[in-house]
Amino acid sequence: MSSVLCEISHDELPFPKSSRIQLIVYFLCCCSILVVTLHTMNFVTGYDPLDYGLIVTDYISIDVWSFIHTFTFVGLGFLVPGRMAMFFLFGALWELLEFIACNINFMGVQAIWNERFVNTVWDLWFNSIGYFLGQIALAMYVTRRRKAKAKKKKSK
């Protein structure tokens, strides 16, 4: 897989006519709309249905939001491969923003973003797993397209 990722040309990436920055902005806007919509449910219903703890112990904190983290980073890994450190930093800065916003209770977000530190660590882990899975999906996508192209060329 890693050799496939190293050899991917810009033209082989999904949406080759779009700039990577443009794709990141579009994708993150879609994810932001999803997150805002899901948080709005908290204000409407009085609870966050995605805050349901699937596995919660002193050292493990996995809730449904963990899968939102994974989904977001799968998309980033698929659209912008080879930038793991940059996106890990992005995720860490987001978690820091959540922490600061909760501690100053910016716009009442403490009700929806207040989480234990162990959950923050697991969020970062799910970000990393998601990004890695996105790169695997991209490698599979490119490999499949290359095989189809070679098959097409061979049949001519």
C-alpha atoms as a PDB file:
ATOM      1  CA  MET A   1       0.000   0.000   0.000  1.00  0.00           C
ATOM      2  CA  SER A   2       2.674   2.527   0.947  1.00  0.00           C
ATOM      3  CA  SER A   3       4.451   1.998  -2.373  1.00  0.00           C
ATOM      4  CA  VAL A   4       1.192   2.720  -4.199  1.00  0.00           C
ATOM      5  CA  LEU A   5       0.731   5.907  -2.184  1.00  0.00           C
ATOM      6  CA  CYS A   6       4.273   7.079  -2.961  1.00  0.00           C
ATOM      7  CA  GLU A   7       3.720   6.571  -6.679  1.00  0.00           C
ATOM      8  CA  ILE A   8       0.345   8.294  -7.077  1.00  0.00           C
ATOM      9  CA  SER A   9       0.404  11.169  -9.524  1.00  0.00           C
ATOM     10  CA  HIS A  10      -1.902  14.137  -9.140  1.00  0.00           C
ATOM     11  CA  ASP A  11      -3.946  12.963 -12.138  1.00  0.00           C
ATOM     12  CA  GLU A  12      -4.680   9.639 -10.424  1.00  0.00           C
ATOM     13  CA  LEU A  13      -6.147  11.264  -7.330  1.00  0.00           C
ATOM     14  CA  PRO A  14      -9.921  11.592  -7.066  1.00  0.00           C
ATOM     15  CA  PHE A  15     -11.087  14.906  -8.539  1.00  0.00           C
ATOM     16  CA  PRO A  16      -7.776  15.705 -10.293  1.00  0.00           C
ATOM     17  CA  LYS A  17      -9.076  18.987 -11.728  1.00  0.00           C
ATOM     18  CA  SER A  18      -9.712  20.410  -8.253  1.00  0.00           C
ATOM     19  CA  SER A  19      -6.958  21.743  -6.048  1.00  0.00           C
ATOM     20  CA  ARG A  20      -6.264  19.838  -2.841  1.00  0.00           C
ATOM     21  CA  ILE A  21      -6.949  22.989  -0.790  1.00  0.00           C
ATOM     22  CA  GLN A  22     -10.317  23.388  -2.472  1.00  0.00           C
ATOM     23  CA  LEU A  23     -11.213  19.766  -1.719  1.00  0.00           C
ATOM     24  CA  ILE A  24     -10.158  20.100   1.926  1.00  0.00           C
ATOM     25  CA  VAL A  25     -12.275  23.242   2.320  1.00  0.00           C
ATOM     26  CA  TYR A  26     -15.332  21.657   0.665  1.00  0.00           C
ATOM     27  CA  PHE A  27     -14.988  18.440   2.650  1.00  0.00           C
ATOM     28  CA  LEU A  28     -14.456  20.197   5.986  1.00  0.00           C
ATOM     29  CA  CYS A  29     -17.420  22.480   5.293  1.00  0.00           C
ATOM     30  CA  CYS A  30     -19.611  19.403   4.735  1.00  0.00           C
ATOM     31  CA  CYS A  31     -18.265  17.839   7.941  1.00  0.00           C
ATOM     32  CA  SER A  32     -18.852  21.094   9.833  1.00  0.00           C
ATOM     33  CA  ILE A  33     -22.456  21.208   8.649  1.00  0.00           C
ATOM     34  CA  LEU A  34     -22.884  17.612   9.840  1.00  0.00           C
ATOM     35  CA  VAL A  35     -21.370  18.393  13.252  1.00  0.00           C
ATOM     36  CA  VAL A  36     -23.401  21.588  13.717  1.00  0.00           C
ATOM     37  CA  THR A  37     -26.571  19.710  12.756  1.00  0.00           C
ATOM     38  CA  LEU A  38     -25.781  16.930  15.215  1.00  0.00           C
ATOM     39  CA  HIS A  39     -25.020  19.431  17.989  1.00  0.00           C
ATOM     40  CA  THR A  40     -28.285  21.228  17.242  1.00  0.00           C
ATOM     41  CA  MET A  41     -30.054  18.008  18.217  1.00  0.00           C
ATOM     42  CA  ASN A  42     -28.597  18.540  21.699  1.00  0.00           C
ATOM     43  CA  PHE A  43     -30.334  21.907  22.007  1.00  0.00           C
ATOM     44  CA  VAL A  44     -33.600  20.563  20.596  1.00  0.00           C
ATOM     45  CA  THR A  45     -33.807  17.292  22.531  1.00  0.00           C
ATOM     46  CA  GLY A  46     -31.833  18.288  25.620  1.00  0.00           C
ATOM     47  CA  TYR A  47     -29.241  15.545  25.215  1.00  0.00           C
ATOM     48  CA  ASP A  48     -26.588  14.489  22.730  1.00  0.00           C
ATOM     49  CA  PRO A  49     -27.580  11.143  21.209  1.00  0.00           C
ATOM     50  CA  LEU A  50     -24.032  10.637  19.886  1.00  0.00           C
ATOM     51  CA  ASP A  51     -22.532  11.022  23.346  1.00  0.00           C
ATOM     52  CA  TYR A  52     -23.649   7.484  24.090  1.00  0.00           C
ATOM     53  CA  GLY A  53     -20.658   5.696  25.580  1.00  0.00           C
ATOM     54  CA  LEU A  54     -19.982   2.404  23.841  1.00  0.00           C
ATOM     55  CA  ILE A  55     -16.927   1.529  25.950  1.00  0.00           C
ATOM     56  CA  VAL A  56     -16.200   3.755  28.916  1.00  0.00           C
ATOM     57  CA  THR A  57     -13.626   2.882  31.577  1.00  0.00           C
ATOM     58  CA  ASP A  58     -10.899   4.807  33.358  1.00  0.00           C
ATOM     59  CA  TYR A  59      -8.591   4.412  30.340  1.00  0.00           C
ATOM     60  CA  ILE A  60     -10.987   3.879  27.448  1.00  0.00           C
ATOM     61  CA  SER A  61     -13.596   6.300  26.186  1.00  0.00           C
ATOM     62  CA  ILE A  62     -15.291   5.339  22.950  1.00  0.00           C
ATOM     63  CA  ASP A  63     -18.619   6.916  22.084  1.00  0.00           C
ATOM     64  CA  VAL A  64     -20.558   7.378  18.864  1.00  0.00           C
ATOM     65  CA  TRP A  65     -18.700  10.668  18.244  1.00  0.00           C
ATOM     66  CA  SER A  66     -15.556   8.552  17.858  1.00  0.00           C
ATOM     67  CA  PHE A  67     -16.982   7.308  14.569  1.00  0.00           C
ATOM     68  CA  ILE A  68     -17.624  10.878  13.392  1.00  0.00           C
ATOM     69  CA  HIS A  69     -13.911  11.545  14.010  1.00  0.00           C
ATOM     70  CA  THR A  70     -13.030   8.424  12.032  1.00  0.00           C
ATOM     71  CA  PHE A  71     -15.364   9.317   9.149  1.00  0.00           C
ATOM     72  CA  THR A  72     -13.937  12.836   8.873  1.00  0.00           C
ATOM     73  CA  PHE A  73     -10.349  11.644   8.802  1.00  0.00           C
ATOM     74  CA  VAL A  74     -11.096   8.815   6.339  1.00  0.00           C
ATOM     75  CA  GLY A  75     -12.198  11.539   3.935  1.00  0.00           C
ATOM     76  CA  LEU A  76      -9.089  13.601   4.577  1.00  0.00           C
ATOM     77  CA  GLY A  77      -6.793  10.600   4.129  1.00  0.00           C
ATOM     78  CA  PHE A  78      -8.545   9.715   0.873  1.00  0.00           C
ATOM     79  CA  LEU A  79      -8.516  13.227  -0.574  1.00  0.00           C
ATOM     80  CA  VAL A  80      -5.117  14.387   0.681  1.00  0.00           C
ATOM     81  CA  PRO A  81      -2.733  11.448   1.212  1.00  0.00           C
ATOM     82  CA  GLY A  82       0.729  11.714   2.709  1.00  0.00           C
ATOM     83  CA  ARG A  83      -0.079  14.507   5.144  1.00  0.00           C
ATOM     84  CA  MET A  84      -0.627  12.473   8.316  1.00  0.00           C
ATOM     85  CA  ALA A  85       1.426  14.770  10.565  1.00  0.00           C
ATOM     86  CA  MET A  86      -0.367  17.876   9.306  1.00  0.00           C
ATOM     87  CA  PHE A  87      -3.806  16.397   9.907  1.00  0.00           C
ATOM     88  CA  PHE A  88      -2.800  14.921  13.278  1.00  0.00           C
ATOM     89  CA  LEU A  89      -1.762  18.446  14.277  1.00  0.00           C
ATOM     90  CA  PHE A  90      -5.077  19.756  12.929  1.00  0.00           C
ATOM     91  CA  GLY A  91      -6.954  17.237  15.105  1.00  0.00           C
ATOM     92  CA  ALA A  92      -4.848  18.080  18.166  1.00  0.00           C
ATOM     93  CA  LEU A  93      -5.477  21.808  17.672  1.00  0.00           C
ATOM     94  CA  TRP A  94      -9.203  21.118  17.358  1.00  0.00           C
ATOM     95  CA  GLU A  95      -9.167  19.183  20.634  1.00  0.00           C
ATOM     96  CA  LEU A  96      -7.283  22.069  22.260  1.00  0.00           C
ATOM     97  CA  LEU A  97      -9.922  24.472  20.939  1.00  0.00           C
ATOM     98  CA  GLU A  98     -12.656  22.277  22.442  1.00  0.00           C
ATOM     99  CA  PHE A  99     -10.821  22.220  25.790  1.00  0.00           C
ATOM    100  CA  ILE A 100     -10.362  26.009  25.872  1.00  0.00           C
ATOM    101  CA  ALA A 101     -13.930  26.691  24.738  1.00  0.00           C
ATOM    102  CA  CYS A 102     -15.272  24.422  27.486  1.00  0.00           C
ATOM    103  CA  ASN A 103     -13.106  25.954  30.194  1.00  0.00           C
ATOM    104  CA  ILE A 104     -14.257  29.480  29.387  1.00  0.00           C
ATOM    105  CA  ASN A 105     -17.756  28.176  28.506  1.00  0.00           C
ATOM    106  CA  PHE A 106     -17.670  30.017  25.184  1.00  0.00           C
ATOM    107  CA  MET A 107     -21.264  30.382  23.913  1.00  0.00           C
ATOM    108  CA  GLY A 108     -22.433  27.656  26.317  1.00  0.00           C
ATOM    109  CA  VAL A 109     -20.457  24.883  24.614  1.00  0.00           C
ATOM    110  CA  GLN A 110     -19.550  23.328  27.934  1.00  0.00           C
ATOM    111  CA  ALA A 111     -22.892  21.525  27.845  1.00  0.00           C
ATOM    112  CA  ILE A 112     -21.977  19.724  24.626  1.00  0.00           C
ATOM    113  CA  TRP A 113     -18.160  19.619  24.450  1.00  0.00           C
ATOM    114  CA  ASN A 114     -17.175  18.922  28.041  1.00  0.00           C
ATOM    115  CA  GLU A 115     -15.290  15.630  28.013  1.00  0.00           C
ATOM    116  CA  ARG A 116     -12.693  13.763  30.002  1.00  0.00           C
ATOM    117  CA  PHE A 117      -9.052  13.934  28.920  1.00  0.00           C
ATOM    118  CA  VAL A 118      -9.081  10.209  28.110  1.00  0.00           C
ATOM    119  CA  ASN A 119     -11.800  10.911  25.515  1.00  0.00           C
ATOM    120  CA  THR A 120      -9.579  13.534  23.891  1.00  0.00           C
ATOM    121  CA  VAL A 121      -6.768  10.992  23.569  1.00  0.00           C
ATOM    122  CA  TRP A 122      -9.140   8.470  22.012  1.00  0.00           C
ATOM    123  CA  ASP A 123     -10.471  11.130  19.624  1.00  0.00           C
ATOM    124  CA  LEU A 124      -6.911  11.662  18.384  1.00  0.00           C
ATOM    125  CA  TRP A 125      -6.466   7.896  18.029  1.00  0.00           C
ATOM    126  CA  PHE A 126      -9.663   7.623  15.967  1.00  0.00           C
ATOM    127  CA  ASN A 127      -8.491  10.565  13.824  1.00  0.00           C
ATOM    128  CA  SER A 128      -5.253   8.698  13.081  1.00  0.00           C
ATOM    129  CA  ILE A 129      -7.011   5.404  12.332  1.00  0.00           C
ATOM    130  CA  GLY A 130      -9.461   7.223  10.069  1.00  0.00           C
ATOM    131  CA  TYR A 131      -6.684   8.951   8.151  1.00  0.00           C
ATOM    132  CA  PHE A 132      -4.842   5.647   7.710  1.00  0.00           C
ATOM    133  CA  LEU A 133      -8.045   3.925   6.492  1.00  0.00           C
ATOM    134  CA  GLY A 134      -8.595   6.777   4.035  1.00  0.00           C
ATOM    135  CA  GLN A 135      -5.131   6.229   2.598  1.00  0.00           C
ATOM    136  CA  ILE A 136      -5.830   2.482   2.301  1.00  0.00           C
ATOM    137  CA  ALA A 137      -9.082   3.250   0.474  1.00  0.00           C
ATOM    138  CA  LEU A 138      -7.208   5.627  -1.852  1.00  0.00           C
ATOM    139  CA  ALA A 139      -4.539   3.015  -2.595  1.00  0.00           C
ATOM    140  CA  MET A 140      -7.265   0.485  -3.416  1.00  0.00           C
ATOM    141  CA  TYR A 141      -9.051   3.055  -5.611  1.00  0.00           C
ATOM    142  CA  VAL A 142      -5.882   3.926  -7.538  1.00  0.00           C
ATOM    143  CA  THR A 143      -4.864   0.272  -7.909  1.00  0.00           C
ATOM    144  CA  ARG A 144      -8.303  -0.622  -9.273  1.00  0.00           C
ATOM    145  CA  ARG A 145      -8.224   2.301 -11.727  1.00  0.00           C
ATOM    146  CA  ARG A 146      -4.720   1.345 -12.885  1.00  0.00           C
ATOM    147  CA  LYS A 147      -5.799  -2.256 -13.501  1.00  0.00           C
ATOM    148  CA  ALA A 148      -8.878  -1.109 -15.420  1.00  0.00           C
ATOM    149  CA  LYS A 149      -6.748   1.265 -17.496  1.00  0.00           C
ATOM    150  CA  ALA A 150      -4.185  -1.467 -18.236  1.00  0.00           C
ATOM    151  CA  LYS A 151      -6.954  -3.899 -19.165  1.00  0.00           C
ATOM    152  CA  LYS A 152      -8.496  -1.305 -21.475  1.00  0.00           C
ATOM    153  CA  LYS A 153      -5.106  -0.584 -23.078  1.00  0.00           C
ATOM    154  CA  LYS A 154      -4.433  -4.301 -23.515  1.00  0.00           C
ATOM    155  CA  SER A 155      -7.770  -4.899 -25.240  1.00  0.00           C
ATOM    156  CA  LYS A 156      -7.078  -2.194 -27.872  1.00  0.00           C
END
